[in-house]
Amino acid sequence: MKLRSIHVLCLQEKRWKGSKAREIGDGIKLFYHGLEAKRNGVAIAVCGPLKEYVSSVNCVSDRIISLRIAIKDGFWTVVSIYAPQCGCTEADKEAFYDELDKVIS
């Protein structure tokens, strides 16, 4: 992230259980959420001084996580999503899009 000057990075298929925030080295803090091992999971990595301004984390599901970062003139909301693939049921897809709609509205 430092090499490319990336300050916020969204990740999918993290596949870790639980909801945690952990330092992973090089000044990067990883916020992640997952329900079952070896399935789905989303995360947001925040680098440098920006990580100190994360004001809230919203773990919606193993496919949606969002966080708010306080900036000078307000907030940024960053959302990491992992949409259901073609092998998922229509009910799963519908539930995902309903959850996503609530997060972005």
PDB file of N, CA and C in Angstrom:
ATOM      1  N   MET A   1       0.822  -1.183   0.000  1.00  0.00           N
ATOM      2  CA  MET A   1       0.000   0.000   0.000  1.00  0.00           C
ATOM      3  C   MET A   1       0.872   1.254   0.000  1.00  0.00           C
ATOM      4  N   LYS A   2       1.940   1.228   0.782  1.00  0.00           N
ATOM      5  CA  LYS A   2       2.828   2.391   0.831  1.00  0.00           C
ATOM      6  C   LYS A   2       3.478   2.640  -0.526  1.00  0.00           C
ATOM      7  N   LEU A   3       3.931   1.578  -1.155  1.00  0.00           N
ATOM      8  CA  LEU A   3       4.620   1.694  -2.434  1.00  0.00           C
ATOM      9  C   LEU A   3       3.761   2.395  -3.476  1.00  0.00           C
ATOM     10  N   ARG A   4       2.473   2.122  -3.481  1.00  0.00           N
ATOM     11  CA  ARG A   4       1.546   2.685  -4.467  1.00  0.00           C
ATOM     12  C   ARG A   4       0.761   3.888  -3.933  1.00  0.00           C
ATOM     13  N   SER A   5       1.092   4.342  -2.731  1.00  0.00           N
ATOM     14  CA  SER A   5       0.395   5.463  -2.082  1.00  0.00           C
ATOM     15  C   SER A   5      -1.105   5.216  -1.964  1.00  0.00           C
ATOM     16  N   ILE A   6      -1.462   3.994  -1.584  1.00  0.00           N
ATOM     17  CA  ILE A   6      -2.858   3.628  -1.362  1.00  0.00           C
ATOM     18  C   ILE A   6      -3.137   3.788   0.130  1.00  0.00           C
ATOM     19  N   HIS A   7      -4.170   4.547   0.466  1.00  0.00           N
ATOM     20  CA  HIS A   7      -4.485   4.809   1.868  1.00  0.00           C
ATOM     21  C   HIS A   7      -5.631   3.951   2.384  1.00  0.00           C
ATOM     22  N   VAL A   8      -6.538   3.553   1.493  1.00  0.00           N
ATOM     23  CA  VAL A   8      -7.669   2.698   1.865  1.00  0.00           C
ATOM     24  C   VAL A   8      -7.804   1.624   0.795  1.00  0.00           C
ATOM     25  N   LEU A   9      -7.909   0.368   1.237  1.00  0.00           N
ATOM     26  CA  LEU A   9      -7.990  -0.760   0.309  1.00  0.00           C
ATOM     27  C   LEU A   9      -9.098  -1.703   0.766  1.00  0.00           C
ATOM     28  N   CYS A  10     -10.032  -2.013  -0.133  1.00  0.00           N
ATOM     29  CA  CYS A  10     -11.127  -2.939   0.177  1.00  0.00           C
ATOM     30  C   CYS A  10     -10.756  -4.339  -0.300  1.00  0.00           C
ATOM     31  N   LEU A  11     -11.035  -5.329   0.551  1.00  0.00           N
ATOM     32  CA  LEU A  11     -10.680  -6.720   0.259  1.00  0.00           C
ATOM     33  C   LEU A  11     -11.907  -7.612   0.388  1.00  0.00           C
ATOM     34  N   GLN A  12     -11.960  -8.637  -0.443  1.00  0.00           N
ATOM     35  CA  GLN A  12     -13.030  -9.623  -0.382  1.00  0.00           C
ATOM     36  C   GLN A  12     -12.419 -11.012  -0.278  1.00  0.00           C
ATOM     37  N   GLU A  13     -13.261 -11.987   0.058  1.00  0.00           N
ATOM     38  CA  GLU A  13     -12.841 -13.377   0.257  1.00  0.00           C
ATOM     39  C   GLU A  13     -11.733 -13.463   1.305  1.00  0.00           C
ATOM     40  N   LYS A  14     -11.890 -12.717   2.382  1.00  0.00           N
ATOM     41  CA  LYS A  14     -10.887 -12.715   3.448  1.00  0.00           C
ATOM     42  C   LYS A  14     -10.872 -14.036   4.199  1.00  0.00           C
ATOM     43  N   ARG A  15     -12.052 -14.631   4.369  1.00  0.00           N
ATOM     44  CA  ARG A  15     -12.190 -15.982   4.926  1.00  0.00           C
ATOM     45  C   ARG A  15     -11.680 -16.137   6.352  1.00  0.00           C
ATOM     46  N   TRP A  16     -11.753 -15.085   7.139  1.00  0.00           N
ATOM     47  CA  TRP A  16     -11.424 -15.166   8.563  1.00  0.00           C
ATOM     48  C   TRP A  16     -12.709 -15.034   9.355  1.00  0.00           C
ATOM     49  N   LYS A  17     -12.817 -15.785  10.446  1.00  0.00           N
ATOM     50  CA  LYS A  17     -13.990 -15.694  11.315  1.00  0.00           C
ATOM     51  C   LYS A  17     -13.896 -14.473  12.214  1.00  0.00           C
ATOM     52  N   GLY A  18     -15.059 -13.937  12.566  1.00  0.00           N
ATOM     53  CA  GLY A  18     -15.127 -12.882  13.561  1.00  0.00           C
ATOM     54  C   GLY A  18     -15.073 -11.485  12.990  1.00  0.00           C
ATOM     55  N   SER A  19     -15.198 -10.529  13.886  1.00  0.00           N
ATOM     56  CA  SER A  19     -15.135  -9.104  13.551  1.00  0.00           C
ATOM     57  C   SER A  19     -14.040  -8.491  14.404  1.00  0.00           C
ATOM     58  N   LYS A  20     -12.980  -8.077  13.758  1.00  0.00           N
ATOM     59  CA  LYS A  20     -11.847  -7.543  14.512  1.00  0.00           C
ATOM     60  C   LYS A  20     -11.164  -6.428  13.738  1.00  0.00           C
ATOM     61  N   ALA A  21     -10.330  -5.712  14.465  1.00  0.00           N
ATOM     62  CA  ALA A  21      -9.424  -4.739  13.870  1.00  0.00           C
ATOM     63  C   ALA A  21      -8.045  -5.118  14.368  1.00  0.00           C
ATOM     64  N   ARG A  22      -7.099  -5.227  13.456  1.00  0.00           N
ATOM     65  CA  ARG A  22      -5.743  -5.593  13.883  1.00  0.00           C
ATOM     66  C   ARG A  22      -4.706  -4.890  13.023  1.00  0.00           C
ATOM     67  N   GLU A  23      -3.606  -4.581  13.667  1.00  0.00           N
ATOM     68  CA  GLU A  23      -2.450  -4.024  12.965  1.00  0.00           C
ATOM     69  C   GLU A  23      -1.774  -5.174  12.230  1.00  0.00           C
ATOM     70  N   ILE A  24      -1.483  -4.970  10.944  1.00  0.00           N
ATOM     71  CA  ILE A  24      -0.864  -6.055  10.173  1.00  0.00           C
ATOM     72  C   ILE A  24       0.531  -5.689   9.679  1.00  0.00           C
ATOM     73  N   GLY A  25       1.077  -4.605  10.208  1.00  0.00           N
ATOM     74  CA  GLY A  25       2.432  -4.212   9.837  1.00  0.00           C
ATOM     75  C   GLY A  25       2.454  -3.049   8.869  1.00  0.00           C
ATOM     76  N   ASP A  26       3.590  -2.393   8.768  1.00  0.00           N
ATOM     77  CA  ASP A  26       3.795  -1.236   7.893  1.00  0.00           C
ATOM     78  C   ASP A  26       2.786  -0.117   8.125  1.00  0.00           C
ATOM     79  N   GLY A  27       2.270  -0.004   9.351  1.00  0.00           N
ATOM     80  CA  GLY A  27       1.326   1.062   9.658  1.00  0.00           C
ATOM     81  C   GLY A  27      -0.065   0.842   9.100  1.00  0.00           C
ATOM     82  N   ILE A  28      -0.393  -0.412   8.785  1.00  0.00           N
ATOM     83  CA  ILE A  28      -1.697  -0.737   8.201  1.00  0.00           C
ATOM     84  C   ILE A  28      -2.588  -1.372   9.262  1.00  0.00           C
ATOM     85  N   LYS A  29      -3.816  -0.878   9.346  1.00  0.00           N
ATOM     86  CA  LYS A  29      -4.802  -1.464  10.248  1.00  0.00           C
ATOM     87  C   LYS A  29      -5.888  -2.105   9.387  1.00  0.00           C
ATOM     88  N   LEU A  30      -6.200  -3.364   9.697  1.00  0.00           N
ATOM     89  CA  LEU A  30      -7.178  -4.131   8.928  1.00  0.00           C
ATOM     90  C   LEU A  30      -8.433  -4.325   9.765  1.00  0.00           C
ATOM     91  N   PHE A  31      -9.561  -3.888   9.228  1.00  0.00           N
ATOM     92  CA  PHE A  31     -10.866  -4.095   9.846  1.00  0.00           C
ATOM     93  C   PHE A  31     -11.547  -5.191   9.034  1.00  0.00           C
ATOM     94  N   TYR A  32     -11.954  -6.291   9.686  1.00  0.00           N
ATOM     95  CA  TYR A  32     -12.533  -7.388   8.912  1.00  0.00           C
ATOM     96  C   TYR A  32     -13.729  -8.014   9.604  1.00  0.00           C
ATOM     97  N   HIS A  33     -14.519  -8.719   8.790  1.00  0.00           N
ATOM     98  CA  HIS A  33     -15.699  -9.417   9.297  1.00  0.00           C
ATOM     99  C   HIS A  33     -15.944 -10.653   8.444  1.00  0.00           C
ATOM    100  N   GLY A  34     -16.174 -11.774   9.115  1.00  0.00           N
ATOM    101  CA  GLY A  34     -16.503 -13.025   8.440  1.00  0.00           C
ATOM    102  C   GLY A  34     -17.266 -13.929   9.382  1.00  0.00           C
ATOM    103  N   LEU A  35     -18.134 -14.758   8.842  1.00  0.00           N
ATOM    104  CA  LEU A  35     -18.952 -15.636   9.669  1.00  0.00           C
ATOM    105  C   LEU A  35     -18.414 -17.050   9.730  1.00  0.00           C
ATOM    106  N   GLU A  36     -18.064 -17.616   8.597  1.00  0.00           N
ATOM    107  CA  GLU A  36     -17.579 -18.992   8.547  1.00  0.00           C
ATOM    108  C   GLU A  36     -16.178 -19.000   7.937  1.00  0.00           C
ATOM    109  N   ALA A  37     -15.345 -19.900   8.419  1.00  0.00           N
ATOM    110  CA  ALA A  37     -14.016 -20.040   7.811  1.00  0.00           C
ATOM    111  C   ALA A  37     -14.173 -20.598   6.397  1.00  0.00           C
ATOM    112  N   LYS A  38     -13.295 -20.207   5.526  1.00  0.00           N
ATOM    113  CA  LYS A  38     -13.229 -20.694   4.147  1.00  0.00           C
ATOM    114  C   LYS A  38     -14.441 -20.305   3.307  1.00  0.00           C
ATOM    115  N   ARG A  39     -15.107 -19.199   3.682  1.00  0.00           N
ATOM    116  CA  ARG A  39     -16.251 -18.749   2.893  1.00  0.00           C
ATOM    117  C   ARG A  39     -16.427 -17.243   3.088  1.00  0.00           C
ATOM    118  N   ASN A  40     -16.517 -16.516   1.992  1.00  0.00           N
ATOM    119  CA  ASN A  40     -16.809 -15.083   1.990  1.00  0.00           C
ATOM    120  C   ASN A  40     -15.831 -14.290   2.858  1.00  0.00           C
ATOM    121  N   GLY A  41     -16.320 -13.294   3.568  1.00  0.00           N
ATOM    122  CA  GLY A  41     -15.470 -12.441   4.391  1.00  0.00           C
ATOM    123  C   GLY A  41     -15.016 -11.197   3.647  1.00  0.00           C
ATOM    124  N   VAL A  42     -15.129 -10.051   4.312  1.00  0.00           N
ATOM    125  CA  VAL A  42     -14.741  -8.775   3.721  1.00  0.00           C
ATOM    126  C   VAL A  42     -13.861  -8.009   4.708  1.00  0.00           C
ATOM    127  N   ALA A  43     -13.076  -7.081   4.172  1.00  0.00           N
ATOM    128  CA  ALA A  43     -12.176  -6.301   5.019  1.00  0.00           C
ATOM    129  C   ALA A  43     -11.884  -4.961   4.367  1.00  0.00           C
ATOM    130  N   ILE A  44     -11.435  -4.034   5.201  1.00  0.00           N
ATOM    131  CA  ILE A  44     -10.955  -2.744   4.719  1.00  0.00           C
ATOM    132  C   ILE A  44      -9.633  -2.471   5.431  1.00  0.00           C
ATOM    133  N   ALA A  45      -8.593  -2.225   4.651  1.00  0.00           N
ATOM    134  CA  ALA A  45      -7.278  -1.887   5.194  1.00  0.00           C
ATOM    135  C   ALA A  45      -7.102  -0.374   5.105  1.00  0.00           C
ATOM    136  N   VAL A  46      -6.653   0.226   6.204  1.00  0.00           N
ATOM    137  CA  VAL A  46      -6.445   1.673   6.260  1.00  0.00           C
ATOM    138  C   VAL A  46      -4.995   1.914   6.658  1.00  0.00           C
ATOM    139  N   CYS A  47      -4.331   2.795   5.927  1.00  0.00           N
ATOM    140  CA  CYS A  47      -2.899   3.000   6.079  1.00  0.00           C
ATOM    141  C   CYS A  47      -2.583   4.379   6.652  1.00  0.00           C
ATOM    142  N   GLY A  48      -1.472   4.466   7.337  1.00  0.00           N
ATOM    143  CA  GLY A  48      -0.929   5.739   7.791  1.00  0.00           C
ATOM    144  C   GLY A  48      -1.798   6.465   8.794  1.00  0.00           C
ATOM    145  N   PRO A  49      -1.692   7.792   8.808  1.00  0.00           N
ATOM    146  CA  PRO A  49      -2.416   8.576   9.810  1.00  0.00           C
ATOM    147  C   PRO A  49      -3.936   8.484   9.665  1.00  0.00           C
ATOM    148  N   LEU A  50      -4.412   8.098   8.514  1.00  0.00           N
ATOM    149  CA  LEU A  50      -5.858   7.986   8.287  1.00  0.00           C
ATOM    150  C   LEU A  50      -6.509   6.983   9.235  1.00  0.00           C
ATOM    151  N   LYS A  51      -5.767   5.957   9.628  1.00  0.00           N
ATOM    152  CA  LYS A  51      -6.337   4.910  10.493  1.00  0.00           C
ATOM    153  C   LYS A  51      -6.759   5.447  11.852  1.00  0.00           C
ATOM    154  N   GLU A  52      -6.149   6.548  12.284  1.00  0.00           N
ATOM    155  CA  GLU A  52      -6.501   7.149  13.575  1.00  0.00           C
ATOM    156  C   GLU A  52      -7.837   7.881  13.519  1.00  0.00           C
ATOM    157  N   TYR A  53      -8.343   8.130  12.315  1.00  0.00           N
ATOM    158  CA  TYR A  53      -9.580   8.892  12.157  1.00  0.00           C
ATOM    159  C   TYR A  53     -10.787   8.022  11.819  1.00  0.00           C
ATOM    160  N   VAL A  54     -10.646   6.711  11.927  1.00  0.00           N
ATOM    161  CA  VAL A  54     -11.794   5.820  11.724  1.00  0.00           C
ATOM    162  C   VAL A  54     -12.718   6.005  12.922  1.00  0.00           C
ATOM    163  N   SER A  55     -13.940   6.480  12.654  1.00  0.00           N
ATOM    164  CA  SER A  55     -14.855   6.793  13.756  1.00  0.00           C
ATOM    165  C   SER A  55     -15.855   5.683  14.036  1.00  0.00           C
ATOM    166  N   SER A  56     -16.153   4.855  13.040  1.00  0.00           N
ATOM    167  CA  SER A  56     -17.069   3.732  13.282  1.00  0.00           C
ATOM    168  C   SER A  56     -16.877   2.659  12.222  1.00  0.00           C
ATOM    169  N   VAL A  57     -17.198   1.433  12.625  1.00  0.00           N
ATOM    170  CA  VAL A  57     -17.137   0.281  11.723  1.00  0.00           C
ATOM    171  C   VAL A  57     -18.487  -0.412  11.803  1.00  0.00           C
ATOM    172  N   ASN A  58     -19.068  -0.735  10.644  1.00  0.00           N
ATOM    173  CA  ASN A  58     -20.369  -1.396  10.588  1.00  0.00           C
ATOM    174  C   ASN A  58     -20.206  -2.733   9.864  1.00  0.00           C
ATOM    175  N   CYS A  59     -20.230  -3.818  10.627  1.00  0.00           N
ATOM    176  CA  CYS A  59     -20.131  -5.163  10.061  1.00  0.00           C
ATOM    177  C   CYS A  59     -21.546  -5.648   9.773  1.00  0.00           C
ATOM    178  N   VAL A  60     -21.970  -5.539   8.537  1.00  0.00           N
ATOM    179  CA  VAL A  60     -23.345  -5.847   8.158  1.00  0.00           C
ATOM    180  C   VAL A  60     -23.539  -7.340   7.981  1.00  0.00           C
ATOM    181  N   SER A  61     -22.645  -7.964   7.239  1.00  0.00           N
ATOM    182  CA  SER A  61     -22.725  -9.403   6.978  1.00  0.00           C
ATOM    183  C   SER A  61     -21.344  -9.877   6.556  1.00  0.00           C
ATOM    184  N   ASP A  62     -21.237 -11.165   6.223  1.00  0.00           N
ATOM    185  CA  ASP A  62     -19.944 -11.665   5.746  1.00  0.00           C
ATOM    186  C   ASP A  62     -19.660 -11.202   4.320  1.00  0.00           C
ATOM    187  N   ARG A  63     -20.562 -10.394   3.761  1.00  0.00           N
ATOM    188  CA  ARG A  63     -20.384  -9.842   2.421  1.00  0.00           C
ATOM    189  C   ARG A  63     -20.318  -8.313   2.384  1.00  0.00           C
ATOM    190  N   ILE A  64     -20.605  -7.650   3.508  1.00  0.00           N
ATOM    191  CA  ILE A  64     -20.633  -6.181   3.535  1.00  0.00           C
ATOM    192  C   ILE A  64     -20.037  -5.664   4.843  1.00  0.00           C
ATOM    193  N   ILE A  65     -19.065  -4.764   4.713  1.00  0.00           N
ATOM    194  CA  ILE A  65     -18.517  -4.039   5.862  1.00  0.00           C
ATOM    195  C   ILE A  65     -18.339  -2.587   5.427  1.00  0.00           C
ATOM    196  N   SER A  66     -18.598  -1.669   6.343  1.00  0.00           N
ATOM    197  CA  SER A  66     -18.369  -0.258   6.031  1.00  0.00           C
ATOM    198  C   SER A  66     -17.687   0.405   7.219  1.00  0.00           C
ATOM    199  N   LEU A  67     -16.994   1.489   6.927  1.00  0.00           N
ATOM    200  CA  LEU A  67     -16.419   2.282   8.004  1.00  0.00           C
ATOM    201  C   LEU A  67     -16.495   3.753   7.644  1.00  0.00           C
ATOM    202  N   ARG A  68     -16.492   4.577   8.683  1.00  0.00           N
ATOM    203  CA  ARG A  68     -16.524   6.028   8.503  1.00  0.00           C
ATOM    204  C   ARG A  68     -15.193   6.593   8.953  1.00  0.00           C
ATOM    205  N   ILE A  69     -14.674   7.484   8.143  1.00  0.00           N
ATOM    206  CA  ILE A  69     -13.415   8.151   8.450  1.00  0.00           C
ATOM    207  C   ILE A  69     -13.698   9.646   8.566  1.00  0.00           C
ATOM    208  N   ALA A  70     -13.355  10.220   9.715  1.00  0.00           N
ATOM    209  CA  ALA A  70     -13.543  11.659   9.929  1.00  0.00           C
ATOM    210  C   ALA A  70     -12.480  12.424   9.144  1.00  0.00           C
ATOM    211  N   ILE A  71     -12.923  13.380   8.351  1.00  0.00           N
ATOM    212  CA  ILE A  71     -12.008  14.247   7.611  1.00  0.00           C
ATOM    213  C   ILE A  71     -12.301  15.692   8.005  1.00  0.00           C
ATOM    214  N   LYS A  72     -11.520  16.590   7.492  1.00  0.00           N
ATOM    215  CA  LYS A  72     -11.628  18.000   7.866  1.00  0.00           C
ATOM    216  C   LYS A  72     -13.045  18.559   7.689  1.00  0.00           C
ATOM    217  N   ASP A  73     -13.684  18.227   6.594  1.00  0.00           N
ATOM    218  CA  ASP A  73     -14.986  18.816   6.273  1.00  0.00           C
ATOM    219  C   ASP A  73     -16.159  17.857   6.441  1.00  0.00           C
ATOM    220  N   GLY A  74     -15.996  16.761   7.156  1.00  0.00           N
ATOM    221  CA  GLY A  74     -17.099  15.811   7.333  1.00  0.00           C
ATOM    222  C   GLY A  74     -16.598  14.391   7.503  1.00  0.00           C
ATOM    223  N   PHE A  75     -17.182  13.488   6.727  1.00  0.00           N
ATOM    224  CA  PHE A  75     -16.838  12.071   6.818  1.00  0.00           C
ATOM    225  C   PHE A  75     -16.729  11.453   5.434  1.00  0.00           C
ATOM    226  N   TRP A  76     -15.893  10.432   5.337  1.00  0.00           N
ATOM    227  CA  TRP A  76     -15.911   9.522   4.197  1.00  0.00           C
ATOM    228  C   TRP A  76     -16.538   8.238   4.701  1.00  0.00           C
ATOM    229  N   THR A  77     -17.366   7.629   3.892  1.00  0.00           N
ATOM    230  CA  THR A  77     -17.868   6.294   4.187  1.00  0.00           C
ATOM    231  C   THR A  77     -17.294   5.362   3.133  1.00  0.00           C
ATOM    232  N   VAL A  78     -16.604   4.330   3.582  1.00  0.00           N
ATOM    233  CA  VAL A  78     -15.986   3.356   2.683  1.00  0.00           C
ATOM    234  C   VAL A  78     -16.708   2.031   2.884  1.00  0.00           C
ATOM    235  N   VAL A  79     -17.132   1.410   1.779  1.00  0.00           N
ATOM    236  CA  VAL A  79     -17.873   0.153   1.846  1.00  0.00           C
ATOM    237  C   VAL A  79     -17.135  -0.903   1.033  1.00  0.00           C
ATOM    238  N   SER A  80     -16.890  -2.052   1.647  1.00  0.00           N
ATOM    239  CA  SER A  80     -16.310  -3.195   0.941  1.00  0.00           C
ATOM    240  C   SER A  80     -17.407  -4.242   0.805  1.00  0.00           C
ATOM    241  N   ILE A  81     -17.665  -4.659  -0.427  1.00  0.00           N
ATOM    242  CA  ILE A  81     -18.728  -5.642  -0.661  1.00  0.00           C
ATOM    243  C   ILE A  81     -18.203  -6.822  -1.468  1.00  0.00           C
ATOM    244  N   TYR A  82     -18.845  -7.949  -1.259  1.00  0.00           N
ATOM    245  CA  TYR A  82     -18.548  -9.163  -2.011  1.00  0.00           C
ATOM    246  C   TYR A  82     -19.895  -9.719  -2.469  1.00  0.00           C
ATOM    247  N   ALA A  83     -20.272  -9.409  -3.692  1.00  0.00           N
ATOM    248  CA  ALA A  83     -21.590  -9.788  -4.215  1.00  0.00           C
ATOM    249  C   ALA A  83     -21.688 -11.296  -4.410  1.00  0.00           C
ATOM    250  N   PRO A  84     -22.894 -11.841  -4.225  1.00  0.00           N
ATOM    251  CA  PRO A  84     -23.103 -13.274  -4.451  1.00  0.00           C
ATOM    252  C   PRO A  84     -22.815 -13.640  -5.910  1.00  0.00           C
ATOM    253  N   GLN A  85     -22.236 -14.795  -6.093  1.00  0.00           N
ATOM    254  CA  GLN A  85     -21.898 -15.274  -7.427  1.00  0.00           C
ATOM    255  C   GLN A  85     -23.069 -16.035  -8.041  1.00  0.00           C
ATOM    256  N   CYS A  86     -22.901 -16.483  -9.266  1.00  0.00           N
ATOM    257  CA  CYS A  86     -23.987 -17.143  -9.996  1.00  0.00           C
ATOM    258  C   CYS A  86     -24.438 -18.450  -9.337  1.00  0.00           C
ATOM    259  N   GLY A  87     -23.630 -19.067  -8.502  1.00  0.00           N
ATOM    260  CA  GLY A  87     -24.009 -20.310  -7.838  1.00  0.00           C
ATOM    261  C   GLY A  87     -24.896 -20.115  -6.616  1.00  0.00           C
ATOM    262  N   CYS A  88     -25.093 -18.872  -6.200  1.00  0.00           N
ATOM    263  CA  CYS A  88     -25.924 -18.588  -5.021  1.00  0.00           C
ATOM    264  C   CYS A  88     -27.403 -18.563  -5.404  1.00  0.00           C
ATOM    265  N   THR A  89     -28.240 -18.783  -4.414  1.00  0.00           N
ATOM    266  CA  THR A  89     -29.685 -18.786  -4.669  1.00  0.00           C
ATOM    267  C   THR A  89     -30.180 -17.360  -4.904  1.00  0.00           C
ATOM    268  N   GLU A  90     -31.332 -17.262  -5.535  1.00  0.00           N
ATOM    269  CA  GLU A  90     -31.945 -15.954  -5.760  1.00  0.00           C
ATOM    270  C   GLU A  90     -32.285 -15.288  -4.427  1.00  0.00           C
ATOM    271  N   ALA A  91     -32.677 -16.083  -3.438  1.00  0.00           N
ATOM    272  CA  ALA A  91     -32.993 -15.537  -2.112  1.00  0.00           C
ATOM    273  C   ALA A  91     -31.752 -14.905  -1.480  1.00  0.00           C
ATOM    274  N   ASP A  92     -30.593 -15.563  -1.628  1.00  0.00           N
ATOM    275  CA  ASP A  92     -29.336 -15.008  -1.108  1.00  0.00           C
ATOM    276  C   ASP A  92     -28.995 -13.689  -1.804  1.00  0.00           C
ATOM    277  N   LYS A  93     -29.179 -13.661  -3.113  1.00  0.00           N
ATOM    278  CA  LYS A  93     -28.890 -12.447  -3.880  1.00  0.00           C
ATOM    279  C   LYS A  93     -29.819 -11.314  -3.466  1.00  0.00           C
ATOM    280  N   GLU A  94     -31.095 -11.627  -3.321  1.00  0.00           N
ATOM    281  CA  GLU A  94     -32.083 -10.624  -2.915  1.00  0.00           C
ATOM    282  C   GLU A  94     -31.745 -10.064  -1.528  1.00  0.00           C
ATOM    283  N   ALA A  95     -31.394 -10.946  -0.588  1.00  0.00           N
ATOM    284  CA  ALA A  95     -31.038 -10.517   0.771  1.00  0.00           C
ATOM    285  C   ALA A  95     -29.796  -9.622   0.747  1.00  0.00           C
ATOM    286  N   PHE A  96     -28.813  -9.992  -0.076  1.00  0.00           N
ATOM    287  CA  PHE A  96     -27.596  -9.191  -0.191  1.00  0.00           C
ATOM    288  C   PHE A  96     -27.920  -7.782  -0.679  1.00  0.00           C
ATOM    289  N   TYR A  97     -28.694  -7.677  -1.751  1.00  0.00           N
ATOM    290  CA  TYR A  97     -28.998  -6.361  -2.309  1.00  0.00           C
ATOM    291  C   TYR A  97     -29.887  -5.539  -1.379  1.00  0.00           C
ATOM    292  N   ASP A  98     -30.741  -6.175  -0.604  1.00  0.00           N
ATOM    293  CA  ASP A  98     -31.527  -5.456   0.405  1.00  0.00           C
ATOM    294  C   ASP A  98     -30.606  -4.870   1.476  1.00  0.00           C
ATOM    295  N   GLU A  99     -29.630  -5.668   1.944  1.00  0.00           N
ATOM    296  CA  GLU A  99     -28.665  -5.182   2.939  1.00  0.00           C
ATOM    297  C   GLU A  99     -27.822  -4.041   2.379  1.00  0.00           C
ATOM    298  N   LEU A 100     -27.360  -4.200   1.145  1.00  0.00           N
ATOM    299  CA  LEU A 100     -26.540  -3.168   0.516  1.00  0.00           C
ATOM    300  C   LEU A 100     -27.327  -1.870   0.367  1.00  0.00           C
ATOM    301  N   ASP A 101     -28.586  -1.982  -0.016  1.00  0.00           N
ATOM    302  CA  ASP A 101     -29.439  -0.804  -0.172  1.00  0.00           C
ATOM    303  C   ASP A 101     -29.553  -0.033   1.143  1.00  0.00           C
ATOM    304  N   LYS A 102     -29.666  -0.746   2.254  1.00  0.00           N
ATOM    305  CA  LYS A 102     -29.754  -0.099   3.572  1.00  0.00           C
ATOM    306  C   LYS A 102     -28.454   0.626   3.920  1.00  0.00           C
ATOM    307  N   VAL A 103     -27.325   0.038   3.541  1.00  0.00           N
ATOM    308  CA  VAL A 103     -26.022   0.631   3.868  1.00  0.00           C
ATOM    309  C   VAL A 103     -25.782   1.915   3.079  1.00  0.00           C
ATOM    310  N   ILE A 104     -26.157   1.933   1.805  1.00  0.00           N
ATOM    311  CA  ILE A 104     -25.831   3.085   0.963  1.00  0.00           C
ATOM    312  C   ILE A 104     -26.920   4.149   0.931  1.00  0.00           C
ATOM    313  N   SER A 105     -28.053   3.886   1.565  1.00  0.00           N
ATOM    314  CA  SER A 105     -29.106   4.916   1.546  1.00  0.00           C
ATOM    315  C   SER A 105     -29.151   5.705   2.829  1.00  0.00           C
TER     316      SER A 105
END
